[in-house]
Amino acid sequence: MPKVLCTECGRDVGMHELEAKTTTQRSGFNTRYRCPYCRTDMEDVASRFV
């Protein structure tokens, strides 16, 4: 499972550990991810892969 670096707490978080919230918009879907440790929102997780 890929890991993502949380820039706030510095932990490597597994993709399966992230809390995801998907909302619908007129142009499609918007998914936001949240670190389960420090509760920081992450928008672009693809750029944070470890």
Protein backbone atom coordinates (compact mmCIF):
# COMPACT_ATOMS: atom_id res chain seq x y z
CA MET A 1 0.00 0.00 0.00
CA PRO A 2 1.46 3.41 -0.93
CA LYS A 3 2.31 5.85 1.83
CA VAL A 4 1.74 9.60 1.90
CA LEU A 5 3.86 12.12 3.81
CA CYS A 6 1.88 14.42 6.09
CA THR A 7 3.72 17.74 6.05
CA GLU A 8 2.19 18.85 9.37
CA CYS A 9 3.12 15.94 11.66
CA GLY A 10 5.86 14.43 9.46
CA ARG A 11 4.42 10.90 9.53
CA ASP A 12 4.22 8.48 6.64
CA VAL A 13 0.53 7.59 6.50
CA GLY A 14 -0.77 4.61 4.51
CA MET A 15 -3.40 5.45 1.89
CA HIS A 16 -5.79 3.08 3.66
CA GLU A 17 -5.39 5.10 6.89
CA LEU A 18 -6.39 8.46 5.39
CA GLU A 19 -9.91 9.69 6.03
CA ALA A 20 -11.54 10.57 2.71
CA LYS A 21 -14.51 12.84 2.06
CA THR A 22 -15.95 13.07 -1.45
CA THR A 23 -18.39 15.80 -2.44
CA THR A 24 -20.20 16.28 -5.72
CA GLN A 25 -19.84 19.44 -7.76
CA ARG A 26 -21.19 20.55 -11.10
CA SER A 27 -17.88 19.70 -12.78
CA GLY A 28 -17.56 16.26 -11.14
CA PHE A 29 -16.29 15.07 -7.78
CA ASN A 30 -13.93 16.61 -5.22
CA THR A 31 -12.14 14.33 -2.76
CA ARG A 32 -10.28 15.64 0.27
CA TYR A 33 -8.09 13.53 2.50
CA ARG A 34 -7.33 13.99 6.20
CA CYS A 35 -4.43 12.72 8.29
CA PRO A 36 -5.79 10.49 11.10
CA TYR A 37 -3.06 11.64 13.50
CA CYS A 38 -3.03 15.45 13.31
CA ARG A 39 -6.33 15.95 11.41
CA THR A 40 -4.70 18.09 8.67
CA ASP A 41 -6.54 18.24 5.34
CA MET A 42 -4.58 17.24 2.23
CA GLU A 43 -5.80 18.09 -1.26
CA ASP A 44 -3.15 16.69 -3.60
CA VAL A 45 -1.97 13.37 -2.15
CA ALA A 46 -0.37 12.24 -5.43
CA SER A 47 2.44 14.75 -4.93
CA ARG A 48 3.10 13.47 -1.38
CA PHE A 49 3.80 9.79 -2.07
CA VAL A 50 6.82 8.49 -0.16
